[in-house]
Amino acid sequence: MCNKIAFLAVFILMLLSGCTSHTKPQSFHQADGYRYTEHRITDNYFIISVVGKNKVLVPKNALAHAAILTEKQGYDWYIIVEQDPVSAFKSSFQSRIEIRMGKGVKP
């Protein structure tokens, strides 16, 4: 009886640990002062954040980074699932977009 309970407890722990595994966001810094953060949600779903000093260029750089990431991951296209308005910090701005990537004909 104890072996069955122990086995069941280990099985449940393994099952729950698989449900909570998330990838750590990757951060990249560029010489021009921009910082990019990629957070993989699934194989084809990412959240991208860009921080920089130019309010106009930050969202453009987020879209450019989305295109680069899409190609790097081996996909043909991406769509923006959600896009937050540009946020202002002390001396910088942030743009955050969620993208889903795909292959073939874009929906």
C-alpha atoms as a PDB file:
ATOM      1  CA  MET A   1       0.000   0.000   0.000  1.00  0.00           C
ATOM      2  CA  CYS A   2       2.830   2.440   0.885  1.00  0.00           C
ATOM      3  CA  ASN A   3       4.525   1.739  -2.455  1.00  0.00           C
ATOM      4  CA  LYS A   4       1.355   2.670  -4.343  1.00  0.00           C
ATOM      5  CA  ILE A   5       1.003   5.932  -2.396  1.00  0.00           C
ATOM      6  CA  ALA A   6       4.672   6.800  -2.923  1.00  0.00           C
ATOM      7  CA  PHE A   7       4.407   6.033  -6.641  1.00  0.00           C
ATOM      8  CA  LEU A   8       1.245   8.129  -6.919  1.00  0.00           C
ATOM      9  CA  ALA A   9       2.896  11.050  -5.093  1.00  0.00           C
ATOM     10  CA  VAL A  10       5.955  10.949  -7.374  1.00  0.00           C
ATOM     11  CA  PHE A  11       3.718  10.715 -10.443  1.00  0.00           C
ATOM     12  CA  ILE A  12       1.679  13.745  -9.372  1.00  0.00           C
ATOM     13  CA  LEU A  13       4.852  15.754  -8.654  1.00  0.00           C
ATOM     14  CA  MET A  14       6.238  14.927 -12.097  1.00  0.00           C
ATOM     15  CA  LEU A  15       2.950  15.829 -13.736  1.00  0.00           C
ATOM     16  CA  LEU A  16       2.740  19.183 -11.931  1.00  0.00           C
ATOM     17  CA  SER A  17       6.360  20.088 -12.592  1.00  0.00           C
ATOM     18  CA  GLY A  18       5.754  19.607 -16.320  1.00  0.00           C
ATOM     19  CA  CYS A  19       2.824  22.014 -16.205  1.00  0.00           C
ATOM     20  CA  THR A  20       4.832  24.807 -14.616  1.00  0.00           C
ATOM     21  CA  SER A  21       7.898  24.735 -16.853  1.00  0.00           C
ATOM     22  CA  HIS A  22       8.348  28.062 -18.650  1.00  0.00           C
ATOM     23  CA  THR A  23      11.314  29.337 -20.548  1.00  0.00           C
ATOM     24  CA  LYS A  24      13.316  32.142 -19.039  1.00  0.00           C
ATOM     25  CA  PRO A  25      13.055  35.381 -21.030  1.00  0.00           C
ATOM     26  CA  GLN A  26      16.154  36.104 -23.102  1.00  0.00           C
ATOM     27  CA  SER A  27      17.494  39.653 -23.059  1.00  0.00           C
ATOM     28  CA  PHE A  28      19.649  41.317 -25.690  1.00  0.00           C
ATOM     29  CA  HIS A  29      21.371  44.704 -25.545  1.00  0.00           C
ATOM     30  CA  GLN A  30      22.442  46.734 -28.540  1.00  0.00           C
ATOM     31  CA  ALA A  31      25.125  49.386 -28.750  1.00  0.00           C
ATOM     32  CA  ASP A  32      22.538  52.050 -29.616  1.00  0.00           C
ATOM     33  CA  GLY A  33      20.950  51.650 -26.170  1.00  0.00           C
ATOM     34  CA  TYR A  34      17.998  49.416 -27.072  1.00  0.00           C
ATOM     35  CA  ARG A  35      17.191  46.371 -24.973  1.00  0.00           C
ATOM     36  CA  TYR A  36      15.117  43.496 -26.358  1.00  0.00           C
ATOM     37  CA  THR A  37      13.485  40.783 -24.268  1.00  0.00           C
ATOM     38  CA  GLU A  38      11.984  37.633 -25.800  1.00  0.00           C
ATOM     39  CA  HIS A  39       9.745  35.364 -23.782  1.00  0.00           C
ATOM     40  CA  ARG A  40       8.751  32.085 -25.446  1.00  0.00           C
ATOM     41  CA  ILE A  41       5.231  31.000 -24.502  1.00  0.00           C
ATOM     42  CA  THR A  42       4.974  28.108 -26.991  1.00  0.00           C
ATOM     43  CA  ASP A  43       6.987  27.105 -30.059  1.00  0.00           C
ATOM     44  CA  ASN A  44       5.289  29.762 -32.191  1.00  0.00           C
ATOM     45  CA  TYR A  45       4.055  32.294 -29.606  1.00  0.00           C
ATOM     46  CA  PHE A  46       6.361  34.955 -28.138  1.00  0.00           C
ATOM     47  CA  ILE A  47       6.161  38.133 -26.098  1.00  0.00           C
ATOM     48  CA  ILE A  48       8.684  40.758 -27.184  1.00  0.00           C
ATOM     49  CA  SER A  49       9.556  43.868 -25.181  1.00  0.00           C
ATOM     50  CA  VAL A  50      11.763  46.666 -26.451  1.00  0.00           C
ATOM     51  CA  VAL A  51      13.135  49.466 -24.284  1.00  0.00           C
ATOM     52  CA  GLY A  52      14.855  52.513 -25.743  1.00  0.00           C
ATOM     53  CA  LYS A  53      15.124  56.293 -25.590  1.00  0.00           C
ATOM     54  CA  ASN A  54      13.183  57.204 -28.744  1.00  0.00           C
ATOM     55  CA  LYS A  55       9.383  57.000 -28.396  1.00  0.00           C
ATOM     56  CA  VAL A  56       8.862  56.739 -32.153  1.00  0.00           C
ATOM     57  CA  LEU A  57      11.526  54.111 -32.829  1.00  0.00           C
ATOM     58  CA  VAL A  58      10.702  51.760 -29.931  1.00  0.00           C
ATOM     59  CA  PRO A  59       7.531  50.262 -31.514  1.00  0.00           C
ATOM     60  CA  LYS A  60       9.228  50.132 -34.932  1.00  0.00           C
ATOM     61  CA  ASN A  61      12.143  48.235 -33.393  1.00  0.00           C
ATOM     62  CA  ALA A  62       9.703  45.829 -31.717  1.00  0.00           C
ATOM     63  CA  LEU A  63       8.190  44.998 -35.115  1.00  0.00           C
ATOM     64  CA  ALA A  64      11.621  44.665 -36.698  1.00  0.00           C
ATOM     65  CA  HIS A  65      12.718  42.346 -33.913  1.00  0.00           C
ATOM     66  CA  ALA A  66       9.521  40.290 -34.382  1.00  0.00           C
ATOM     67  CA  ALA A  67      10.391  39.840 -38.065  1.00  0.00           C
ATOM     68  CA  ILE A  68      13.964  38.792 -37.248  1.00  0.00           C
ATOM     69  CA  LEU A  69      12.791  36.369 -34.563  1.00  0.00           C
ATOM     70  CA  THR A  70      10.190  34.879 -36.912  1.00  0.00           C
ATOM     71  CA  GLU A  71      12.829  34.167 -39.543  1.00  0.00           C
ATOM     72  CA  LYS A  72      15.278  32.858 -36.941  1.00  0.00           C
ATOM     73  CA  GLN A  73      12.651  30.402 -35.656  1.00  0.00           C
ATOM     74  CA  GLY A  74      12.019  29.111 -39.199  1.00  0.00           C
ATOM     75  CA  TYR A  75       8.557  30.600 -39.729  1.00  0.00           C
ATOM     76  CA  ASP A  76       7.245  32.489 -42.760  1.00  0.00           C
ATOM     77  CA  TRP A  77       5.014  35.108 -41.114  1.00  0.00           C
ATOM     78  CA  TYR A  78       3.831  36.517 -37.804  1.00  0.00           C
ATOM     79  CA  ILE A  79       0.708  38.251 -36.595  1.00  0.00           C
ATOM     80  CA  ILE A  80       0.394  40.601 -33.648  1.00  0.00           C
ATOM     81  CA  VAL A  81      -1.925  39.034 -31.091  1.00  0.00           C
ATOM     82  CA  GLU A  82      -1.726  41.928 -28.661  1.00  0.00           C
ATOM     83  CA  GLN A  83       0.175  45.203 -28.564  1.00  0.00           C
ATOM     84  CA  ASP A  84       0.451  47.457 -25.527  1.00  0.00           C
ATOM     85  CA  PRO A  85       0.712  51.224 -25.948  1.00  0.00           C
ATOM     86  CA  VAL A  86       4.189  52.677 -25.556  1.00  0.00           C
ATOM     87  CA  SER A  87       4.970  53.099 -21.851  1.00  0.00           C
ATOM     88  CA  ALA A  88       7.147  55.926 -20.553  1.00  0.00           C
ATOM     89  CA  PHE A  89       9.736  55.425 -17.823  1.00  0.00           C
ATOM     90  CA  LYS A  90      12.165  57.927 -16.304  1.00  0.00           C
ATOM     91  CA  SER A  91      14.346  58.355 -19.369  1.00  0.00           C
ATOM     92  CA  SER A  92      13.173  55.594 -21.706  1.00  0.00           C
ATOM     93  CA  PHE A  93      10.159  54.076 -23.424  1.00  0.00           C
ATOM     94  CA  GLN A  94       8.913  50.482 -23.701  1.00  0.00           C
ATOM     95  CA  SER A  95       6.870  48.694 -26.334  1.00  0.00           C
ATOM     96  CA  ARG A  96       5.454  45.210 -25.732  1.00  0.00           C
ATOM     97  CA  ILE A  97       3.912  42.942 -28.372  1.00  0.00           C
ATOM     98  CA  GLU A  98       2.691  39.367 -28.412  1.00  0.00           C
ATOM     99  CA  ILE A  99       3.162  37.543 -31.695  1.00  0.00           C
ATOM    100  CA  ARG A 100       2.116  34.217 -33.150  1.00  0.00           C
ATOM    101  CA  MET A 101       4.186  32.805 -35.993  1.00  0.00           C
ATOM    102  CA  GLY A 102       3.232  30.414 -38.753  1.00  0.00           C
ATOM    103  CA  LYS A 103       4.233  28.770 -41.999  1.00  0.00           C
ATOM    104  CA  GLY A 104       2.589  28.816 -45.390  1.00  0.00           C
ATOM    105  CA  VAL A 105      -0.484  30.906 -46.125  1.00  0.00           C
ATOM    106  CA  LYS A 106      -1.151  33.609 -43.566  1.00  0.00           C
ATOM    107  CA  PRO A 107      -4.707  33.465 -42.110  1.00  0.00           C
END
